[in-house]
Amino acid sequence: MKRNLTFSLLFICLSLYTGYGQQISNVNFTDIYKNISTSSSSYFYPVLLSRYEKNDTTLTHEQYKHLYYGFTQQPTYDPYEKDLRQKEFNALIAAKDYQKAIAVGKEGIKKSPFNMNYIFGLHYAYDNLGQQAESQKWLNKFEKLLEVLEKSGDGKTSKTAIVVISIGDEQIYMETLGLTVKNRDLSSGTDKIILEEPNELHQKELYFNVEKLGWQASGNKRTVKK
């Protein structure tokens, strides 16, 4: 009995230490982290990522969900790293220099495979070059990732916030819906957006959960947890 109790306590401690046991809105990070690290699972991360990078259109919503949120456990995940390519990429798109934009975007996507700015931009660039097959590949990725965000929460309250792994994804989500930010406030891992009205959502506020970015509130400032 004592041995079983000790084992149970050890398991709980290990679960807390590894970041398991966490449910945010509709996203169960416990299950996701377990699945992506299990080689026999259909969500095993190395295999899923390889299929994603090869533009596998048969990937399901659940597999995209594991890819997106599972990326927070990968060594290359760094939501605070400044990517100077994005500024160049956006400028090239604006200048309609689509060939150069594609080259820059594909370099950027190697480090940030779920960067929705790059993904939509690549779709847009290929579409304007008349390369519809390539354009559709990137549009498919964008729509699947957008669906992941939409189903993560309704964004109406802090408890049902939309779960993002990048602040840029907040912006992309709002731009897709034609939403305009009036004001914003970060508190306890939640980004509360005050929206201009009227808007498509018929809401005054929109909540994003940004806990996975390691942010904490410090007045109106955003600081990285040490």
C-alpha atoms as a PDB file:
ATOM      1  CA  MET A   1       0.000   0.000   0.000  1.00  0.00           C
ATOM      2  CA  LYS A   2       2.800   2.369   0.944  1.00  0.00           C
ATOM      3  CA  ARG A   3       4.679   1.451  -2.238  1.00  0.00           C
ATOM      4  CA  ASN A   4       1.608   2.138  -4.391  1.00  0.00           C
ATOM      5  CA  LEU A   5       1.084   5.497  -2.692  1.00  0.00           C
ATOM      6  CA  THR A   6       4.713   6.453  -3.222  1.00  0.00           C
ATOM      7  CA  PHE A   7       4.494   5.484  -6.891  1.00  0.00           C
ATOM      8  CA  SER A   8       1.311   7.528  -7.321  1.00  0.00           C
ATOM      9  CA  LEU A   9       2.915  10.600  -5.788  1.00  0.00           C
ATOM     10  CA  LEU A  10       5.983  10.166  -7.972  1.00  0.00           C
ATOM     11  CA  PHE A  11       3.816   9.892 -11.083  1.00  0.00           C
ATOM     12  CA  ILE A  12       1.954  13.078 -10.182  1.00  0.00           C
ATOM     13  CA  CYS A  13       5.195  14.960  -9.600  1.00  0.00           C
ATOM     14  CA  LEU A  14       6.653  13.775 -12.876  1.00  0.00           C
ATOM     15  CA  SER A  15       3.474  14.736 -14.703  1.00  0.00           C
ATOM     16  CA  LEU A  16       3.628  18.246 -13.313  1.00  0.00           C
ATOM     17  CA  TYR A  17       7.322  18.552 -14.060  1.00  0.00           C
ATOM     18  CA  THR A  18       6.984  17.516 -17.692  1.00  0.00           C
ATOM     19  CA  GLY A  19       4.067  19.865 -18.271  1.00  0.00           C
ATOM     20  CA  TYR A  20       1.491  17.086 -18.656  1.00  0.00           C
ATOM     21  CA  GLY A  21      -1.939  17.260 -17.076  1.00  0.00           C
ATOM     22  CA  GLN A  22      -2.885  20.432 -18.894  1.00  0.00           C
ATOM     23  CA  GLN A  23      -6.122  21.296 -20.622  1.00  0.00           C
ATOM     24  CA  ILE A  24      -6.445  24.735 -22.211  1.00  0.00           C
ATOM     25  CA  SER A  25      -9.857  25.519 -23.724  1.00  0.00           C
ATOM     26  CA  ASN A  26     -10.529  22.577 -26.073  1.00  0.00           C
ATOM     27  CA  VAL A  27      -6.867  21.561 -26.323  1.00  0.00           C
ATOM     28  CA  ASN A  28      -5.690  18.646 -24.191  1.00  0.00           C
ATOM     29  CA  PHE A  29      -1.935  19.095 -24.096  1.00  0.00           C
ATOM     30  CA  THR A  30      -1.599  15.990 -21.908  1.00  0.00           C
ATOM     31  CA  ASP A  31      -2.824  13.738 -24.699  1.00  0.00           C
ATOM     32  CA  ILE A  32      -1.057  15.651 -27.451  1.00  0.00           C
ATOM     33  CA  TYR A  33       2.377  15.491 -25.801  1.00  0.00           C
ATOM     34  CA  LYS A  34       1.918  11.815 -25.031  1.00  0.00           C
ATOM     35  CA  ASN A  35       0.776  10.951 -28.556  1.00  0.00           C
ATOM     36  CA  ILE A  36       3.497  12.838 -30.426  1.00  0.00           C
ATOM     37  CA  SER A  37       6.214  11.119 -28.388  1.00  0.00           C
ATOM     38  CA  THR A  38       4.849   7.580 -28.848  1.00  0.00           C
ATOM     39  CA  SER A  39       6.443   5.897 -31.860  1.00  0.00           C
ATOM     40  CA  SER A  40       3.508   3.514 -32.357  1.00  0.00           C
ATOM     41  CA  SER A  41       1.000   6.381 -32.390  1.00  0.00           C
ATOM     42  CA  SER A  42      -0.510   7.751 -35.590  1.00  0.00           C
ATOM     43  CA  TYR A  43       0.452  11.160 -34.168  1.00  0.00           C
ATOM     44  CA  PHE A  44       4.169  10.406 -33.722  1.00  0.00           C
ATOM     45  CA  TYR A  45       5.701  13.791 -34.436  1.00  0.00           C
ATOM     46  CA  PRO A  46       8.639  12.987 -36.752  1.00  0.00           C
ATOM     47  CA  VAL A  47       6.354  11.018 -39.073  1.00  0.00           C
ATOM     48  CA  LEU A  48       3.574  13.616 -38.989  1.00  0.00           C
ATOM     49  CA  LEU A  49       5.971  16.479 -39.665  1.00  0.00           C
ATOM     50  CA  SER A  50       7.497  14.636 -42.613  1.00  0.00           C
ATOM     51  CA  ARG A  51       4.047  14.109 -44.134  1.00  0.00           C
ATOM     52  CA  TYR A  52       3.178  17.759 -43.543  1.00  0.00           C
ATOM     53  CA  GLU A  53       6.361  18.982 -45.213  1.00  0.00           C
ATOM     54  CA  LYS A  54       5.609  16.742 -48.205  1.00  0.00           C
ATOM     55  CA  ASN A  55       2.194  18.448 -48.533  1.00  0.00           C
ATOM     56  CA  ASP A  56       0.212  15.328 -47.653  1.00  0.00           C
ATOM     57  CA  THR A  57      -3.417  16.348 -48.201  1.00  0.00           C
ATOM     58  CA  THR A  58      -4.755  13.294 -46.333  1.00  0.00           C
ATOM     59  CA  LEU A  59      -3.694  14.652 -42.934  1.00  0.00           C
ATOM     60  CA  THR A  60      -6.758  14.920 -40.702  1.00  0.00           C
ATOM     61  CA  HIS A  61      -7.879  17.741 -38.431  1.00  0.00           C
ATOM     62  CA  GLU A  62      -6.623  15.839 -35.381  1.00  0.00           C
ATOM     63  CA  GLN A  63      -3.243  15.311 -37.013  1.00  0.00           C
ATOM     64  CA  TYR A  64      -2.979  19.031 -37.798  1.00  0.00           C
ATOM     65  CA  LYS A  65      -3.957  19.753 -34.206  1.00  0.00           C
ATOM     66  CA  HIS A  66      -1.129  17.528 -32.964  1.00  0.00           C
ATOM     67  CA  LEU A  67       1.296  19.121 -35.418  1.00  0.00           C
ATOM     68  CA  TYR A  68       0.461  22.688 -34.443  1.00  0.00           C
ATOM     69  CA  TYR A  69       0.335  22.332 -30.670  1.00  0.00           C
ATOM     70  CA  GLY A  70       2.970  19.612 -30.590  1.00  0.00           C
ATOM     71  CA  PHE A  71       5.424  22.052 -32.144  1.00  0.00           C
ATOM     72  CA  THR A  72       5.722  23.715 -28.717  1.00  0.00           C
ATOM     73  CA  GLN A  73       7.708  20.647 -27.616  1.00  0.00           C
ATOM     74  CA  GLN A  74      10.163  20.765 -30.503  1.00  0.00           C
ATOM     75  CA  PRO A  75      13.690  22.201 -30.041  1.00  0.00           C
ATOM     76  CA  THR A  76      13.227  24.711 -32.874  1.00  0.00           C
ATOM     77  CA  TYR A  77      10.149  26.303 -31.276  1.00  0.00           C
ATOM     78  CA  ASP A  78      11.016  29.856 -30.261  1.00  0.00           C
ATOM     79  CA  PRO A  79       8.082  32.308 -30.391  1.00  0.00           C
ATOM     80  CA  TYR A  80      10.342  35.218 -29.452  1.00  0.00           C
ATOM     81  CA  GLU A  81      13.057  34.809 -32.039  1.00  0.00           C
ATOM     82  CA  LYS A  82      13.097  37.758 -34.416  1.00  0.00           C
ATOM     83  CA  ASP A  83      12.651  36.571 -37.977  1.00  0.00           C
ATOM     84  CA  LEU A  84      13.908  39.354 -40.224  1.00  0.00           C
ATOM     85  CA  ARG A  85      12.853  37.320 -43.252  1.00  0.00           C
ATOM     86  CA  GLN A  86       9.182  38.007 -42.514  1.00  0.00           C
ATOM     87  CA  LYS A  87       9.583  41.737 -43.027  1.00  0.00           C
ATOM     88  CA  GLU A  88      11.431  41.104 -46.287  1.00  0.00           C
ATOM     89  CA  PHE A  89       8.852  38.508 -47.323  1.00  0.00           C
ATOM     90  CA  ASN A  90       5.920  40.862 -46.721  1.00  0.00           C
ATOM     91  CA  ALA A  91       7.686  43.672 -48.585  1.00  0.00           C
ATOM     92  CA  LEU A  92       8.300  41.424 -51.592  1.00  0.00           C
ATOM     93  CA  ILE A  93       4.653  40.345 -51.636  1.00  0.00           C
ATOM     94  CA  ALA A  94       3.555  43.989 -51.480  1.00  0.00           C
ATOM     95  CA  ALA A  95       5.946  44.819 -54.335  1.00  0.00           C
ATOM     96  CA  LYS A  96       4.532  41.894 -56.350  1.00  0.00           C
ATOM     97  CA  ASP A  97       7.987  40.335 -56.614  1.00  0.00           C
ATOM     98  CA  TYR A  98       6.503  36.898 -56.173  1.00  0.00           C
ATOM     99  CA  GLN A  99       9.452  34.786 -57.303  1.00  0.00           C
ATOM    100  CA  LYS A 100      11.762  36.340 -54.716  1.00  0.00           C
ATOM    101  CA  ALA A 101       9.014  36.207 -52.108  1.00  0.00           C
ATOM    102  CA  ILE A 102       8.651  32.465 -52.638  1.00  0.00           C
ATOM    103  CA  ALA A 103      12.382  31.920 -52.185  1.00  0.00           C
ATOM    104  CA  VAL A 104      12.407  33.935 -48.948  1.00  0.00           C
ATOM    105  CA  GLY A 105       9.207  32.332 -47.674  1.00  0.00           C
ATOM    106  CA  LYS A 106      10.461  28.801 -48.223  1.00  0.00           C
ATOM    107  CA  GLU A 107      13.608  29.572 -46.251  1.00  0.00           C
ATOM    108  CA  GLY A 108      11.560  31.015 -43.412  1.00  0.00           C
ATOM    109  CA  ILE A 109       9.158  28.092 -43.309  1.00  0.00           C
ATOM    110  CA  LYS A 110      12.024  25.672 -42.668  1.00  0.00           C
ATOM    111  CA  LYS A 111      12.463  27.125 -39.179  1.00  0.00           C
ATOM    112  CA  SER A 112       8.800  27.945 -38.579  1.00  0.00           C
ATOM    113  CA  PRO A 113       6.737  25.315 -40.437  1.00  0.00           C
ATOM    114  CA  PHE A 114       3.420  26.588 -39.041  1.00  0.00           C
ATOM    115  CA  ASN A 115       3.970  30.301 -39.547  1.00  0.00           C
ATOM    116  CA  MET A 116       0.616  31.271 -41.026  1.00  0.00           C
ATOM    117  CA  ASN A 117       1.949  34.505 -42.483  1.00  0.00           C
ATOM    118  CA  TYR A 118       4.426  32.594 -44.639  1.00  0.00           C
ATOM    119  CA  ILE A 119       1.878  29.923 -45.513  1.00  0.00           C
ATOM    120  CA  PHE A 120      -0.801  32.316 -46.734  1.00  0.00           C
ATOM    121  CA  GLY A 121       1.789  34.488 -48.469  1.00  0.00           C
ATOM    122  CA  LEU A 122       3.157  31.507 -50.384  1.00  0.00           C
ATOM    123  CA  HIS A 123      -0.357  30.564 -51.452  1.00  0.00           C
ATOM    124  CA  TYR A 124      -0.930  34.144 -52.611  1.00  0.00           C
ATOM    125  CA  ALA A 125       2.389  34.358 -54.473  1.00  0.00           C
ATOM    126  CA  TYR A 126       1.895  31.108 -56.352  1.00  0.00           C
ATOM    127  CA  ASP A 127      -1.690  32.079 -57.176  1.00  0.00           C
ATOM    128  CA  ASN A 128      -0.526  35.357 -58.722  1.00  0.00           C
ATOM    129  CA  LEU A 129       2.062  33.483 -60.773  1.00  0.00           C
ATOM    130  CA  GLY A 130      -0.676  31.247 -62.130  1.00  0.00           C
ATOM    131  CA  GLN A 131       0.762  28.141 -60.456  1.00  0.00           C
ATOM    132  CA  GLN A 132      -2.524  26.865 -59.111  1.00  0.00           C
ATOM    133  CA  ALA A 133      -1.366  23.414 -58.012  1.00  0.00           C
ATOM    134  CA  GLU A 134       1.351  24.891 -55.791  1.00  0.00           C
ATOM    135  CA  SER A 135      -0.994  27.610 -54.578  1.00  0.00           C
ATOM    136  CA  GLN A 136      -3.560  25.021 -53.506  1.00  0.00           C
ATOM    137  CA  LYS A 137      -0.990  23.101 -51.441  1.00  0.00           C
ATOM    138  CA  TRP A 138      -0.330  26.137 -49.279  1.00  0.00           C
ATOM    139  CA  LEU A 139      -3.996  27.129 -49.128  1.00  0.00           C
ATOM    140  CA  ASN A 140      -4.838  23.642 -47.869  1.00  0.00           C
ATOM    141  CA  LYS A 141      -2.302  24.027 -45.054  1.00  0.00           C
ATOM    142  CA  PHE A 142      -3.591  27.472 -44.167  1.00  0.00           C
ATOM    143  CA  GLU A 143      -7.219  26.367 -44.020  1.00  0.00           C
ATOM    144  CA  LYS A 144      -6.391  23.298 -41.914  1.00  0.00           C
ATOM    145  CA  LEU A 145      -4.400  25.397 -39.426  1.00  0.00           C
ATOM    146  CA  LEU A 146      -7.153  28.012 -39.306  1.00  0.00           C
ATOM    147  CA  GLU A 147      -9.603  25.225 -38.483  1.00  0.00           C
ATOM    148  CA  VAL A 148      -7.330  24.125 -35.626  1.00  0.00           C
ATOM    149  CA  LEU A 149      -7.528  27.628 -34.148  1.00  0.00           C
ATOM    150  CA  GLU A 150     -11.284  27.893 -34.688  1.00  0.00           C
ATOM    151  CA  LYS A 151     -11.940  24.618 -32.882  1.00  0.00           C
ATOM    152  CA  SER A 152      -9.553  25.330 -30.006  1.00  0.00           C
ATOM    153  CA  GLY A 153     -12.055  27.727 -28.419  1.00  0.00           C
ATOM    154  CA  ASP A 154     -14.749  30.256 -29.272  1.00  0.00           C
ATOM    155  CA  GLY A 155     -12.763  33.216 -27.921  1.00  0.00           C
ATOM    156  CA  LYS A 156     -15.738  34.591 -25.991  1.00  0.00           C
ATOM    157  CA  THR A 157     -14.193  34.242 -22.517  1.00  0.00           C
ATOM    158  CA  SER A 158     -10.762  33.637 -20.996  1.00  0.00           C
ATOM    159  CA  LYS A 159     -11.802  30.049 -20.222  1.00  0.00           C
ATOM    160  CA  THR A 160     -12.783  29.374 -23.824  1.00  0.00           C
ATOM    161  CA  ALA A 161      -9.991  31.378 -25.435  1.00  0.00           C
ATOM    162  CA  ILE A 162      -8.556  30.537 -28.853  1.00  0.00           C
ATOM    163  CA  VAL A 163      -5.232  28.790 -28.224  1.00  0.00           C
ATOM    164  CA  VAL A 164      -2.253  30.055 -30.232  1.00  0.00           C
ATOM    165  CA  ILE A 165       1.463  29.257 -30.178  1.00  0.00           C
ATOM    166  CA  SER A 166       2.484  32.509 -31.851  1.00  0.00           C
ATOM    167  CA  ILE A 167       1.306  36.099 -31.474  1.00  0.00           C
ATOM    168  CA  GLY A 168       1.421  36.354 -35.258  1.00  0.00           C
ATOM    169  CA  ASP A 169      -1.302  33.722 -35.470  1.00  0.00           C
ATOM    170  CA  GLU A 170      -3.608  36.006 -33.495  1.00  0.00           C
ATOM    171  CA  GLN A 171      -3.168  38.683 -36.131  1.00  0.00           C
ATOM    172  CA  ILE A 172      -3.676  36.289 -39.031  1.00  0.00           C
ATOM    173  CA  TYR A 173      -6.840  34.907 -37.422  1.00  0.00           C
ATOM    174  CA  MET A 174      -8.299  38.381 -36.950  1.00  0.00           C
ATOM    175  CA  GLU A 175      -7.319  39.544 -40.431  1.00  0.00           C
ATOM    176  CA  THR A 176      -9.023  36.496 -41.940  1.00  0.00           C
ATOM    177  CA  LEU A 177     -12.268  37.539 -40.232  1.00  0.00           C
ATOM    178  CA  GLY A 178     -11.789  41.205 -41.071  1.00  0.00           C
ATOM    179  CA  LEU A 179     -11.513  42.178 -37.399  1.00  0.00           C
ATOM    180  CA  THR A 180      -9.890  45.413 -36.239  1.00  0.00           C
ATOM    181  CA  VAL A 181      -8.194  45.789 -32.858  1.00  0.00           C
ATOM    182  CA  LYS A 182      -9.370  48.718 -30.744  1.00  0.00           C
ATOM    183  CA  ASN A 183      -7.296  47.842 -27.677  1.00  0.00           C
ATOM    184  CA  ARG A 184      -5.659  44.834 -26.026  1.00  0.00           C
ATOM    185  CA  ASP A 185      -4.646  43.661 -22.580  1.00  0.00           C
ATOM    186  CA  LEU A 186      -2.544  40.704 -21.465  1.00  0.00           C
ATOM    187  CA  SER A 187      -3.387  39.124 -18.130  1.00  0.00           C
ATOM    188  CA  SER A 188      -2.586  35.664 -16.718  1.00  0.00           C
ATOM    189  CA  GLY A 189      -1.673  34.114 -20.037  1.00  0.00           C
ATOM    190  CA  THR A 190      -4.665  35.526 -21.886  1.00  0.00           C
ATOM    191  CA  ASP A 191      -4.602  38.196 -24.584  1.00  0.00           C
ATOM    192  CA  LYS A 192      -7.874  40.108 -24.383  1.00  0.00           C
ATOM    193  CA  ILE A 193      -8.643  41.925 -27.616  1.00  0.00           C
ATOM    194  CA  ILE A 194     -11.150  44.778 -27.630  1.00  0.00           C
ATOM    195  CA  LEU A 195     -12.679  44.777 -31.099  1.00  0.00           C
ATOM    196  CA  GLU A 196     -13.948  47.586 -33.251  1.00  0.00           C
ATOM    197  CA  GLU A 197     -17.678  47.243 -33.836  1.00  0.00           C
ATOM    198  CA  PRO A 198     -19.637  46.200 -35.739  1.00  0.00           C
ATOM    199  CA  ASN A 199     -17.751  43.046 -36.690  1.00  0.00           C
ATOM    200  CA  GLU A 200     -18.370  39.614 -38.159  1.00  0.00           C
ATOM    201  CA  LEU A 201     -18.302  37.899 -34.760  1.00  0.00           C
ATOM    202  CA  HIS A 202     -20.805  40.327 -33.205  1.00  0.00           C
ATOM    203  CA  GLN A 203     -18.528  40.435 -30.155  1.00  0.00           C
ATOM    204  CA  LYS A 204     -16.974  43.271 -28.178  1.00  0.00           C
ATOM    205  CA  GLU A 205     -14.051  41.133 -27.047  1.00  0.00           C
ATOM    206  CA  LEU A 206     -11.985  38.234 -28.318  1.00  0.00           C
ATOM    207  CA  TYR A 207      -9.739  36.145 -26.091  1.00  0.00           C
ATOM    208  CA  PHE A 208      -6.569  34.304 -27.081  1.00  0.00           C
ATOM    209  CA  ASN A 209      -4.695  31.976 -24.760  1.00  0.00           C
ATOM    210  CA  VAL A 210      -0.945  32.563 -25.006  1.00  0.00           C
ATOM    211  CA  GLU A 211       0.275  30.403 -22.108  1.00  0.00           C
ATOM    212  CA  LYS A 212       2.442  28.287 -24.375  1.00  0.00           C
ATOM    213  CA  LEU A 213       4.413  31.365 -25.338  1.00  0.00           C
ATOM    214  CA  GLY A 214       5.597  31.619 -21.723  1.00  0.00           C
ATOM    215  CA  TRP A 215       4.202  35.126 -21.254  1.00  0.00           C
ATOM    216  CA  GLN A 216       3.172  36.695 -18.004  1.00  0.00           C
ATOM    217  CA  ALA A 217       1.526  40.003 -17.336  1.00  0.00           C
ATOM    218  CA  SER A 218       3.523  42.919 -16.011  1.00  0.00           C
ATOM    219  CA  GLY A 219       1.190  45.885 -16.198  1.00  0.00           C
ATOM    220  CA  ASN A 220       0.618  46.373 -19.906  1.00  0.00           C
ATOM    221  CA  LYS A 221       3.985  44.879 -20.784  1.00  0.00           C
ATOM    222  CA  ARG A 222       4.771  41.389 -21.965  1.00  0.00           C
ATOM    223  CA  THR A 223       7.694  39.641 -20.341  1.00  0.00           C
ATOM    224  CA  VAL A 224       9.214  36.240 -20.905  1.00  0.00           C
ATOM    225  CA  LYS A 225       9.127  33.843 -17.998  1.00  0.00           C
ATOM    226  CA  LYS A 226      12.602  32.895 -16.847  1.00  0.00           C
END
